[in-house]
């Protein structure tokens, strides 16, 4: 039993923190704040910024994007809508719960968690950019890439960040 104690502790802490976060998100943040809408707005705004930097024109969707942006589309293409399940908030929470629960120096956790969230946010923004581009190139590819390609991509990035933590910053070697 003693050999399984660290695993049990990790699962207990990780699961406890995740359930606490999920409860806080579902019962406080969602009904009382605009947290998810703000995250979606930031993702769409960053995606528009990067598309503009790449010389791509986006449609003016201000009639749909008020007060928070949720829709993005390149000129003459299908509109891509970013919903709460796709804002990455649960992904960020899973990442933080893993790092929080896995042994390691607090001084590294303090910078690694926000850095990981920033990387995951940027990857999610890249995902939205790609989906907007796919909607312009060939709309028939949109659903498959949304459901499979980019889900695997974003979760793979999260897994790689976890592995970085375990390999370089964890106190369990």
N, C-alpha and C. Protein backbone atom coordinates (compact mmCIF):
# COMPACT_ATOMS: atom_id res chain seq x y z
N UNK A 1 0.84 -1.21 0.00
CA UNK A 1 0.00 0.00 0.00
C UNK A 1 0.87 1.25 0.00
N UNK A 2 2.02 1.16 0.65
CA UNK A 2 2.89 2.33 0.76
C UNK A 2 3.39 2.79 -0.60
N UNK A 3 3.60 1.85 -1.54
CA UNK A 3 4.09 2.20 -2.87
C UNK A 3 3.04 2.99 -3.65
N UNK A 4 1.78 2.79 -3.37
CA UNK A 4 0.70 3.45 -4.10
C UNK A 4 0.29 4.78 -3.47
N UNK A 5 0.88 5.12 -2.33
CA UNK A 5 0.49 6.34 -1.63
C UNK A 5 0.65 7.62 -2.49
N UNK A 6 1.77 7.81 -3.19
CA UNK A 6 1.89 9.02 -4.03
C UNK A 6 0.84 9.06 -5.15
N UNK A 7 0.55 7.91 -5.74
CA UNK A 7 -0.45 7.86 -6.81
C UNK A 7 -1.82 8.20 -6.25
N UNK A 8 -2.15 7.62 -5.11
CA UNK A 8 -3.44 7.89 -4.46
C UNK A 8 -3.55 9.38 -4.11
N UNK A 9 -2.48 9.93 -3.56
CA UNK A 9 -2.47 11.35 -3.18
C UNK A 9 -2.67 12.23 -4.42
N UNK A 10 -1.94 11.90 -5.51
CA UNK A 10 -2.09 12.66 -6.76
C UNK A 10 -3.53 12.61 -7.27
N UNK A 11 -4.11 11.41 -7.31
CA UNK A 11 -5.49 11.26 -7.79
C UNK A 11 -6.48 11.99 -6.89
N UNK A 12 -6.30 11.88 -5.60
CA UNK A 12 -7.20 12.54 -4.65
C UNK A 12 -7.13 14.06 -4.79
N UNK A 13 -5.92 14.60 -4.82
CA UNK A 13 -5.75 16.06 -4.95
C UNK A 13 -6.25 16.52 -6.32
N UNK A 14 -5.80 15.86 -7.37
CA UNK A 14 -6.20 16.25 -8.73
C UNK A 14 -7.69 16.20 -8.93
N UNK A 15 -8.30 15.09 -8.51
CA UNK A 15 -9.75 14.93 -8.67
C UNK A 15 -10.50 15.95 -7.81
N UNK A 16 -10.02 16.16 -6.58
CA UNK A 16 -10.67 17.13 -5.68
C UNK A 16 -10.61 18.54 -6.23
N UNK A 17 -9.45 18.95 -6.72
CA UNK A 17 -9.30 20.30 -7.29
C UNK A 17 -10.15 20.44 -8.54
N UNK A 18 -10.16 19.40 -9.38
CA UNK A 18 -10.95 19.46 -10.62
C UNK A 18 -12.45 19.55 -10.32
N UNK A 19 -12.94 18.75 -9.40
CA UNK A 19 -14.36 18.79 -9.03
C UNK A 19 -14.70 20.15 -8.42
N UNK A 20 -13.80 20.69 -7.61
CA UNK A 20 -14.02 22.02 -7.03
C UNK A 20 -14.10 23.08 -8.12
N UNK A 21 -13.15 23.03 -9.07
CA UNK A 21 -13.16 23.98 -10.18
C UNK A 21 -14.43 23.85 -11.01
N UNK A 22 -14.79 22.61 -11.34
CA UNK A 22 -15.98 22.37 -12.16
C UNK A 22 -17.23 22.91 -11.47
N UNK A 23 -17.35 22.66 -10.18
CA UNK A 23 -18.49 23.16 -9.41
C UNK A 23 -18.51 24.69 -9.40
N UNK A 24 -17.35 25.29 -9.14
CA UNK A 24 -17.25 26.75 -9.13
C UNK A 24 -17.61 27.33 -10.51
N UNK A 25 -17.12 26.69 -11.56
CA UNK A 25 -17.40 27.15 -12.92
C UNK A 25 -18.87 27.02 -13.26
N UNK A 26 -19.45 25.86 -13.00
CA UNK A 26 -20.84 25.59 -13.38
C UNK A 26 -21.86 26.35 -12.54
N UNK A 27 -21.60 26.45 -11.23
CA UNK A 27 -22.61 27.02 -10.34
C UNK A 27 -22.37 28.47 -9.97
N UNK A 28 -21.18 29.00 -10.24
CA UNK A 28 -20.93 30.42 -9.95
C UNK A 28 -20.55 31.20 -11.21
N UNK A 29 -19.46 30.81 -11.84
CA UNK A 29 -18.96 31.60 -12.98
C UNK A 29 -19.97 31.67 -14.13
N UNK A 30 -20.48 30.53 -14.58
CA UNK A 30 -21.39 30.52 -15.72
C UNK A 30 -22.66 31.33 -15.48
N UNK A 31 -23.37 31.10 -14.38
CA UNK A 31 -24.62 31.84 -14.21
C UNK A 31 -24.45 33.29 -13.75
N UNK A 32 -23.33 33.64 -13.15
CA UNK A 32 -23.19 34.97 -12.55
C UNK A 32 -22.19 35.90 -13.24
N UNK A 33 -21.41 35.37 -14.17
CA UNK A 33 -20.39 36.20 -14.81
C UNK A 33 -20.41 35.98 -16.33
N UNK A 34 -19.57 36.72 -16.99
CA UNK A 34 -19.39 36.58 -18.44
C UNK A 34 -18.02 35.98 -18.72
N UNK A 35 -17.57 35.10 -17.82
CA UNK A 35 -16.23 34.53 -17.93
C UNK A 35 -16.01 33.79 -19.25
N UNK A 36 -16.88 32.85 -19.57
CA UNK A 36 -16.73 32.09 -20.82
C UNK A 36 -16.82 33.00 -22.03
N UNK A 37 -17.77 33.94 -22.02
CA UNK A 37 -17.91 34.87 -23.14
C UNK A 37 -16.66 35.72 -23.30
N UNK A 38 -16.04 36.10 -22.19
CA UNK A 38 -14.81 36.90 -22.25
C UNK A 38 -13.65 36.10 -22.85
N UNK A 39 -13.56 34.82 -22.48
CA UNK A 39 -12.50 33.98 -23.04
C UNK A 39 -12.72 33.79 -24.54
N UNK A 40 -13.97 33.52 -24.92
CA UNK A 40 -14.30 33.36 -26.35
C UNK A 40 -14.00 34.65 -27.11
N UNK A 41 -14.38 35.78 -26.55
CA UNK A 41 -14.12 37.09 -27.16
C UNK A 41 -12.61 37.27 -27.39
N UNK A 42 -11.81 36.91 -26.39
CA UNK A 42 -10.35 37.04 -26.52
C UNK A 42 -9.82 36.13 -27.62
N UNK A 43 -10.30 34.90 -27.68
CA UNK A 43 -9.84 33.96 -28.71
C UNK A 43 -10.17 34.49 -30.10
N UNK A 44 -11.41 34.92 -30.30
CA UNK A 44 -11.83 35.43 -31.61
C UNK A 44 -11.06 36.71 -31.96
N UNK A 45 -10.88 37.58 -30.99
CA UNK A 45 -10.12 38.82 -31.24
C UNK A 45 -8.67 38.52 -31.64
N UNK A 46 -8.03 37.61 -30.93
CA UNK A 46 -6.66 37.22 -31.28
C UNK A 46 -6.62 36.57 -32.66
N UNK A 47 -7.60 35.73 -32.95
CA UNK A 47 -7.65 35.06 -34.26
C UNK A 47 -7.79 36.10 -35.37
N UNK A 48 -8.68 37.08 -35.18
CA UNK A 48 -8.84 38.15 -36.17
C UNK A 48 -7.55 38.94 -36.35
N UNK A 49 -6.90 39.23 -35.24
CA UNK A 49 -5.64 39.97 -35.29
C UNK A 49 -4.59 39.21 -36.11
N UNK A 50 -4.44 37.92 -35.82
CA UNK A 50 -3.44 37.11 -36.53
C UNK A 50 -3.80 36.94 -38.01
N UNK A 51 -5.08 36.77 -38.30
CA UNK A 51 -5.49 36.67 -39.71
C UNK A 51 -5.19 37.96 -40.45
N UNK A 52 -5.45 39.09 -39.81
CA UNK A 52 -5.13 40.40 -40.42
C UNK A 52 -3.62 40.53 -40.64
N UNK A 53 -2.84 40.10 -39.65
CA UNK A 53 -1.39 40.16 -39.78
C UNK A 53 -0.89 39.30 -40.94
N UNK A 54 -1.64 38.24 -41.25
CA UNK A 54 -1.30 37.36 -42.37
C UNK A 54 -1.88 37.88 -43.69
N UNK A 55 -2.50 39.06 -43.64
CA UNK A 55 -3.05 39.66 -44.85
C UNK A 55 -4.43 39.16 -45.25
N UNK A 56 -5.10 38.49 -44.34
CA UNK A 56 -6.44 37.96 -44.63
C UNK A 56 -7.50 38.93 -44.12
N UNK A 57 -8.52 39.14 -44.91
CA UNK A 57 -9.63 39.99 -44.50
C UNK A 57 -10.72 39.12 -43.89
N UNK A 58 -11.25 39.59 -42.76
CA UNK A 58 -12.35 38.89 -42.12
C UNK A 58 -13.65 39.66 -42.38
N UNK A 59 -14.74 38.93 -42.30
CA UNK A 59 -16.05 39.57 -42.48
C UNK A 59 -16.36 40.43 -41.26
N UNK A 60 -17.12 41.50 -41.49
CA UNK A 60 -17.60 42.32 -40.39
C UNK A 60 -18.83 41.63 -39.81
N UNK A 61 -18.66 41.03 -38.66
CA UNK A 61 -19.75 40.31 -38.01
C UNK A 61 -20.21 41.02 -36.75
N UNK A 62 -20.04 42.34 -36.71
CA UNK A 62 -20.37 43.10 -35.51
C UNK A 62 -21.84 42.97 -35.12
N UNK A 63 -22.72 42.75 -36.10
CA UNK A 63 -24.14 42.60 -35.76
C UNK A 63 -24.39 41.32 -34.95
N UNK A 64 -23.51 40.32 -35.10
CA UNK A 64 -23.62 39.08 -34.35
C UNK A 64 -22.71 39.07 -33.12
N UNK A 65 -21.70 39.88 -33.15
CA UNK A 65 -20.65 39.84 -32.12
C UNK A 65 -20.78 40.95 -31.10
N UNK A 66 -21.99 41.23 -30.68
CA UNK A 66 -22.16 42.31 -29.71
C UNK A 66 -22.82 41.77 -28.46
N UNK A 67 -22.34 42.02 -27.27
CA UNK A 67 -21.14 42.77 -26.92
C UNK A 67 -19.87 41.92 -26.97
N UNK A 68 -20.01 40.60 -27.04
CA UNK A 68 -18.84 39.72 -27.07
C UNK A 68 -18.72 39.05 -28.43
N UNK A 69 -17.49 38.95 -28.90
CA UNK A 69 -17.25 38.26 -30.17
C UNK A 69 -17.37 36.76 -29.97
N UNK A 70 -18.10 36.09 -30.87
CA UNK A 70 -18.24 34.64 -30.85
C UNK A 70 -18.09 34.05 -32.25
N UNK A 71 -18.12 34.91 -33.25
CA UNK A 71 -18.14 34.46 -34.64
C UNK A 71 -16.94 35.04 -35.39
N UNK A 72 -16.43 34.24 -36.32
CA UNK A 72 -15.32 34.69 -37.16
C UNK A 72 -15.49 34.07 -38.53
N UNK A 73 -15.12 34.82 -39.56
CA UNK A 73 -15.16 34.29 -40.92
C UNK A 73 -14.24 35.11 -41.80
N UNK A 74 -13.55 34.42 -42.67
CA UNK A 74 -12.80 35.10 -43.71
C UNK A 74 -13.80 35.61 -44.75
N UNK A 75 -13.37 36.57 -45.57
CA UNK A 75 -14.26 37.10 -46.60
C UNK A 75 -14.81 35.97 -47.47
N UNK A 76 -16.09 36.06 -47.78
CA UNK A 76 -16.76 35.10 -48.67
C UNK A 76 -16.66 33.65 -48.21
N UNK A 77 -16.77 33.43 -46.93
CA UNK A 77 -16.75 32.05 -46.43
C UNK A 77 -17.75 31.88 -45.30
N UNK A 78 -17.93 30.64 -44.92
CA UNK A 78 -18.85 30.27 -43.85
C UNK A 78 -18.36 30.83 -42.52
N UNK A 79 -19.32 31.21 -41.68
CA UNK A 79 -19.02 31.73 -40.36
C UNK A 79 -18.71 30.57 -39.40
N UNK A 80 -17.66 30.73 -38.62
CA UNK A 80 -17.30 29.77 -37.59
C UNK A 80 -17.70 30.38 -36.25
N UNK A 81 -18.47 29.63 -35.48
CA UNK A 81 -18.91 30.09 -34.17
C UNK A 81 -18.13 29.35 -33.09
N UNK A 82 -17.61 30.11 -32.14
CA UNK A 82 -16.88 29.53 -31.01
C UNK A 82 -17.82 29.52 -29.82
N UNK A 83 -18.13 28.33 -29.33
CA UNK A 83 -19.03 28.18 -28.19
C UNK A 83 -18.27 27.87 -26.92
N UNK A 84 -18.99 27.88 -25.82
CA UNK A 84 -18.37 27.63 -24.50
C UNK A 84 -17.63 26.30 -24.43
N UNK A 85 -18.12 25.22 -25.01
CA UNK A 85 -17.33 23.99 -24.91
C UNK A 85 -15.98 24.08 -25.63
N UNK A 86 -15.86 24.99 -26.58
CA UNK A 86 -14.64 25.10 -27.39
C UNK A 86 -13.74 26.25 -26.95
N UNK A 87 -14.05 26.89 -25.82
CA UNK A 87 -13.23 28.01 -25.40
C UNK A 87 -11.95 27.58 -24.69
N UNK A 88 -11.86 26.30 -24.35
CA UNK A 88 -10.64 25.77 -23.74
C UNK A 88 -10.60 25.88 -22.23
N UNK A 89 -11.63 26.43 -21.62
CA UNK A 89 -11.61 26.64 -20.17
C UNK A 89 -11.44 25.32 -19.42
N UNK A 90 -12.14 24.29 -19.84
CA UNK A 90 -12.00 22.98 -19.18
C UNK A 90 -10.59 22.43 -19.41
N UNK A 91 -10.05 22.65 -20.59
CA UNK A 91 -8.68 22.23 -20.91
C UNK A 91 -7.68 22.92 -19.99
N UNK A 92 -7.85 24.23 -19.78
CA UNK A 92 -6.96 24.97 -18.90
C UNK A 92 -7.07 24.45 -17.47
N UNK A 93 -8.30 24.16 -17.06
CA UNK A 93 -8.52 23.65 -15.70
C UNK A 93 -7.87 22.29 -15.50
N UNK A 94 -8.00 21.40 -16.48
CA UNK A 94 -7.35 20.09 -16.40
C UNK A 94 -5.83 20.24 -16.27
N UNK A 95 -5.28 21.15 -17.06
CA UNK A 95 -3.84 21.39 -17.02
C UNK A 95 -3.42 21.85 -15.63
N UNK A 96 -4.11 22.84 -15.10
CA UNK A 96 -3.76 23.39 -13.79
C UNK A 96 -3.92 22.33 -12.70
N UNK A 97 -4.99 21.55 -12.77
CA UNK A 97 -5.22 20.50 -11.76
C UNK A 97 -4.09 19.48 -11.77
N UNK A 98 -3.65 19.09 -12.95
CA UNK A 98 -2.55 18.12 -13.05
C UNK A 98 -1.27 18.70 -12.43
N UNK A 99 -0.92 19.91 -12.80
CA UNK A 99 0.32 20.52 -12.30
C UNK A 99 0.20 20.76 -10.79
N UNK A 100 -0.95 21.22 -10.35
CA UNK A 100 -1.17 21.47 -8.93
C UNK A 100 -1.03 20.18 -8.13
N UNK A 101 -1.59 19.08 -8.64
CA UNK A 101 -1.61 17.82 -7.90
C UNK A 101 -0.30 17.05 -8.00
N UNK A 102 0.44 17.24 -9.09
CA UNK A 102 1.67 16.47 -9.28
C UNK A 102 2.78 17.11 -8.47
N UNK A 103 3.59 16.31 -7.77
CA UNK A 103 4.65 16.87 -6.93
C UNK A 103 5.63 17.74 -7.72
N UNK A 104 6.05 18.80 -7.10
CA UNK A 104 7.04 19.68 -7.69
C UNK A 104 7.15 20.96 -6.89
N UNK A 105 8.23 21.69 -7.08
CA UNK A 105 8.44 22.93 -6.33
C UNK A 105 7.38 23.99 -6.67
N UNK A 106 6.86 24.62 -5.64
CA UNK A 106 5.84 25.65 -5.81
C UNK A 106 6.37 26.80 -6.67
N UNK A 107 7.65 27.12 -6.53
CA UNK A 107 8.22 28.24 -7.30
C UNK A 107 8.11 27.97 -8.81
N UNK A 108 8.18 26.71 -9.22
CA UNK A 108 8.01 26.37 -10.63
C UNK A 108 6.54 26.32 -11.02
N UNK A 109 5.70 25.87 -10.12
CA UNK A 109 4.26 25.82 -10.40
C UNK A 109 3.71 27.23 -10.63
N UNK A 110 4.23 28.19 -9.90
CA UNK A 110 3.74 29.57 -10.00
C UNK A 110 3.91 30.13 -11.40
N UNK A 111 4.99 29.80 -12.07
CA UNK A 111 5.17 30.32 -13.44
C UNK A 111 4.71 29.32 -14.50
N UNK A 112 4.81 28.00 -14.21
CA UNK A 112 4.50 26.99 -15.21
C UNK A 112 3.00 26.94 -15.53
N UNK A 113 2.15 27.10 -14.52
CA UNK A 113 0.71 27.05 -14.76
C UNK A 113 0.24 28.19 -15.68
N UNK A 114 0.57 29.46 -15.38
CA UNK A 114 0.15 30.52 -16.31
C UNK A 114 0.79 30.40 -17.70
N UNK A 115 2.05 29.97 -17.74
CA UNK A 115 2.71 29.79 -19.05
C UNK A 115 2.01 28.71 -19.85
N UNK A 116 1.64 27.61 -19.20
CA UNK A 116 0.92 26.53 -19.88
C UNK A 116 -0.44 26.98 -20.37
N UNK A 117 -1.15 27.73 -19.54
CA UNK A 117 -2.46 28.26 -19.96
C UNK A 117 -2.29 29.17 -21.17
N UNK A 118 -1.26 30.01 -21.15
CA UNK A 118 -1.02 30.91 -22.29
C UNK A 118 -0.73 30.12 -23.57
N UNK A 119 0.06 29.06 -23.45
CA UNK A 119 0.36 28.22 -24.61
C UNK A 119 -0.90 27.54 -25.12
N UNK A 120 -1.70 27.00 -24.20
CA UNK A 120 -2.95 26.33 -24.60
C UNK A 120 -3.94 27.33 -25.22
N UNK A 121 -3.98 28.53 -24.67
CA UNK A 121 -4.84 29.59 -25.24
C UNK A 121 -4.40 29.91 -26.67
N UNK A 122 -3.10 30.05 -26.86
CA UNK A 122 -2.58 30.36 -28.19
C UNK A 122 -2.85 29.21 -29.16
N UNK A 123 -2.72 27.98 -28.69
CA UNK A 123 -3.01 26.81 -29.55
C UNK A 123 -4.50 26.78 -29.91
N UNK A 124 -5.33 27.15 -28.96
CA UNK A 124 -6.77 27.20 -29.23
C UNK A 124 -7.08 28.31 -30.24
N UNK A 125 -6.38 29.43 -30.13
CA UNK A 125 -6.53 30.51 -31.09
C UNK A 125 -6.09 30.05 -32.47
N UNK A 126 -4.98 29.33 -32.53
CA UNK A 126 -4.49 28.76 -33.79
C UNK A 126 -5.52 27.80 -34.39
N UNK A 127 -6.19 27.07 -33.54
CA UNK A 127 -7.25 26.15 -33.95
C UNK A 127 -8.40 26.92 -34.61
N UNK A 128 -8.81 28.03 -34.01
CA UNK A 128 -9.90 28.85 -34.56
C UNK A 128 -9.47 29.47 -35.89
N UNK A 129 -8.24 29.95 -35.96
CA UNK A 129 -7.70 30.48 -37.22
C UNK A 129 -7.77 29.41 -38.30
N UNK A 130 -7.32 28.21 -37.96
CA UNK A 130 -7.33 27.11 -38.93
C UNK A 130 -8.73 26.74 -39.37
N UNK A 131 -9.67 26.72 -38.43
CA UNK A 131 -11.05 26.39 -38.78
C UNK A 131 -11.66 27.47 -39.68
N UNK A 132 -11.34 28.72 -39.42
CA UNK A 132 -11.83 29.81 -40.29
C UNK A 132 -11.25 29.64 -41.70
N UNK A 133 -9.99 29.27 -41.77
CA UNK A 133 -9.34 29.05 -43.07
C UNK A 133 -9.95 27.85 -43.78
N UNK A 134 -10.17 26.77 -43.06
CA UNK A 134 -10.78 25.56 -43.64
C UNK A 134 -12.18 25.88 -44.16
N UNK A 135 -12.93 26.70 -43.42
CA UNK A 135 -14.28 27.07 -43.86
C UNK A 135 -14.24 27.80 -45.20
N UNK A 136 -13.16 28.53 -45.45
CA UNK A 136 -13.03 29.23 -46.73
C UNK A 136 -12.56 28.29 -47.84
N UNK A 137 -11.61 27.42 -47.54
CA UNK A 137 -11.02 26.55 -48.55
C UNK A 137 -11.98 25.45 -48.97
N UNK A 138 -12.50 24.71 -47.99
CA UNK A 138 -13.44 23.62 -48.30
C UNK A 138 -14.29 23.34 -47.07
N UNK A 139 -15.47 23.90 -47.07
CA UNK A 139 -16.39 23.82 -45.94
C UNK A 139 -16.67 22.38 -45.51
N UNK A 140 -16.59 21.44 -46.44
CA UNK A 140 -16.90 20.04 -46.10
C UNK A 140 -15.87 19.44 -45.15
N UNK A 141 -14.71 20.03 -45.01
CA UNK A 141 -13.67 19.54 -44.09
C UNK A 141 -13.85 20.07 -42.67
N UNK A 142 -14.71 21.05 -42.52
CA UNK A 142 -14.83 21.77 -41.25
C UNK A 142 -15.20 20.86 -40.09
N UNK A 143 -16.26 20.11 -40.20
CA UNK A 143 -16.75 19.30 -39.07
C UNK A 143 -15.74 18.25 -38.63
N UNK A 144 -15.16 17.53 -39.59
CA UNK A 144 -14.17 16.50 -39.23
C UNK A 144 -12.99 17.12 -38.50
N UNK A 145 -12.45 18.21 -39.03
CA UNK A 145 -11.29 18.85 -38.41
C UNK A 145 -11.63 19.42 -37.04
N UNK A 146 -12.82 19.96 -36.89
CA UNK A 146 -13.26 20.47 -35.60
C UNK A 146 -13.35 19.33 -34.58
N UNK A 147 -14.01 18.26 -34.97
CA UNK A 147 -14.28 17.16 -34.04
C UNK A 147 -13.07 16.30 -33.73
N UNK A 148 -12.19 16.09 -34.70
CA UNK A 148 -11.10 15.13 -34.52
C UNK A 148 -9.71 15.76 -34.58
N UNK A 149 -9.36 16.33 -35.71
CA UNK A 149 -7.99 16.82 -35.92
C UNK A 149 -7.55 17.79 -34.82
N UNK A 150 -8.35 18.81 -34.59
CA UNK A 150 -7.92 19.84 -33.65
C UNK A 150 -8.15 19.45 -32.20
N UNK A 151 -9.07 18.54 -31.95
CA UNK A 151 -9.22 18.01 -30.59
C UNK A 151 -7.96 17.23 -30.22
N UNK A 152 -7.52 16.36 -31.12
CA UNK A 152 -6.29 15.60 -30.88
C UNK A 152 -5.10 16.56 -30.76
N UNK A 153 -5.04 17.57 -31.62
CA UNK A 153 -3.94 18.54 -31.60
C UNK A 153 -3.85 19.25 -30.24
N UNK A 154 -4.94 19.81 -29.77
CA UNK A 154 -4.91 20.60 -28.54
C UNK A 154 -4.64 19.70 -27.33
N UNK A 155 -5.27 18.54 -27.27
CA UNK A 155 -5.01 17.65 -26.14
C UNK A 155 -3.59 17.09 -26.19
N UNK A 156 -3.01 16.94 -27.36
CA UNK A 156 -1.61 16.51 -27.47
C UNK A 156 -0.67 17.57 -26.92
N UNK A 157 -0.98 18.83 -27.18
CA UNK A 157 -0.17 19.92 -26.63
C UNK A 157 -0.26 19.90 -25.11
N UNK A 158 -1.47 19.69 -24.59
CA UNK A 158 -1.62 19.61 -23.13
C UNK A 158 -0.80 18.45 -22.58
N UNK A 159 -0.86 17.30 -23.22
CA UNK A 159 -0.10 16.13 -22.78
C UNK A 159 1.41 16.43 -22.81
N UNK A 160 1.88 17.09 -23.86
CA UNK A 160 3.31 17.45 -23.95
C UNK A 160 3.71 18.39 -22.82
N UNK A 161 2.85 19.33 -22.48
CA UNK A 161 3.13 20.23 -21.36
C UNK A 161 3.20 19.45 -20.05
N UNK A 162 2.30 18.50 -19.87
CA UNK A 162 2.35 17.64 -18.67
C UNK A 162 3.67 16.88 -18.62
N UNK A 163 4.07 16.34 -19.77
CA UNK A 163 5.32 15.56 -19.82
C UNK A 163 6.53 16.46 -19.54
N UNK A 164 6.50 17.69 -20.01
CA UNK A 164 7.56 18.65 -19.68
C UNK A 164 7.65 18.84 -18.18
N UNK A 165 6.47 18.99 -17.56
CA UNK A 165 6.44 19.17 -16.11
C UNK A 165 7.06 17.96 -15.42
N UNK A 166 6.62 16.79 -15.80
CA UNK A 166 7.09 15.57 -15.15
C UNK A 166 8.60 15.41 -15.33
N UNK A 167 9.08 15.65 -16.54
CA UNK A 167 10.49 15.41 -16.86
C UNK A 167 11.42 16.46 -16.24
N UNK A 168 11.04 17.73 -16.28
CA UNK A 168 11.97 18.78 -15.89
C UNK A 168 11.68 19.46 -14.56
N UNK A 169 10.45 19.46 -14.08
CA UNK A 169 10.12 20.25 -12.90
C UNK A 169 9.56 19.47 -11.73
N UNK A 170 9.12 18.27 -11.98
CA UNK A 170 8.54 17.47 -10.91
C UNK A 170 9.60 17.03 -9.92
N UNK A 171 9.19 16.90 -8.68
CA UNK A 171 10.12 16.38 -7.66
C UNK A 171 10.11 14.86 -7.62
N UNK A 172 9.26 14.23 -8.44
CA UNK A 172 9.24 12.76 -8.54
C UNK A 172 10.07 12.35 -9.75
N UNK A 173 11.26 11.94 -9.53
CA UNK A 173 12.14 11.53 -10.62
C UNK A 173 12.25 10.02 -10.65
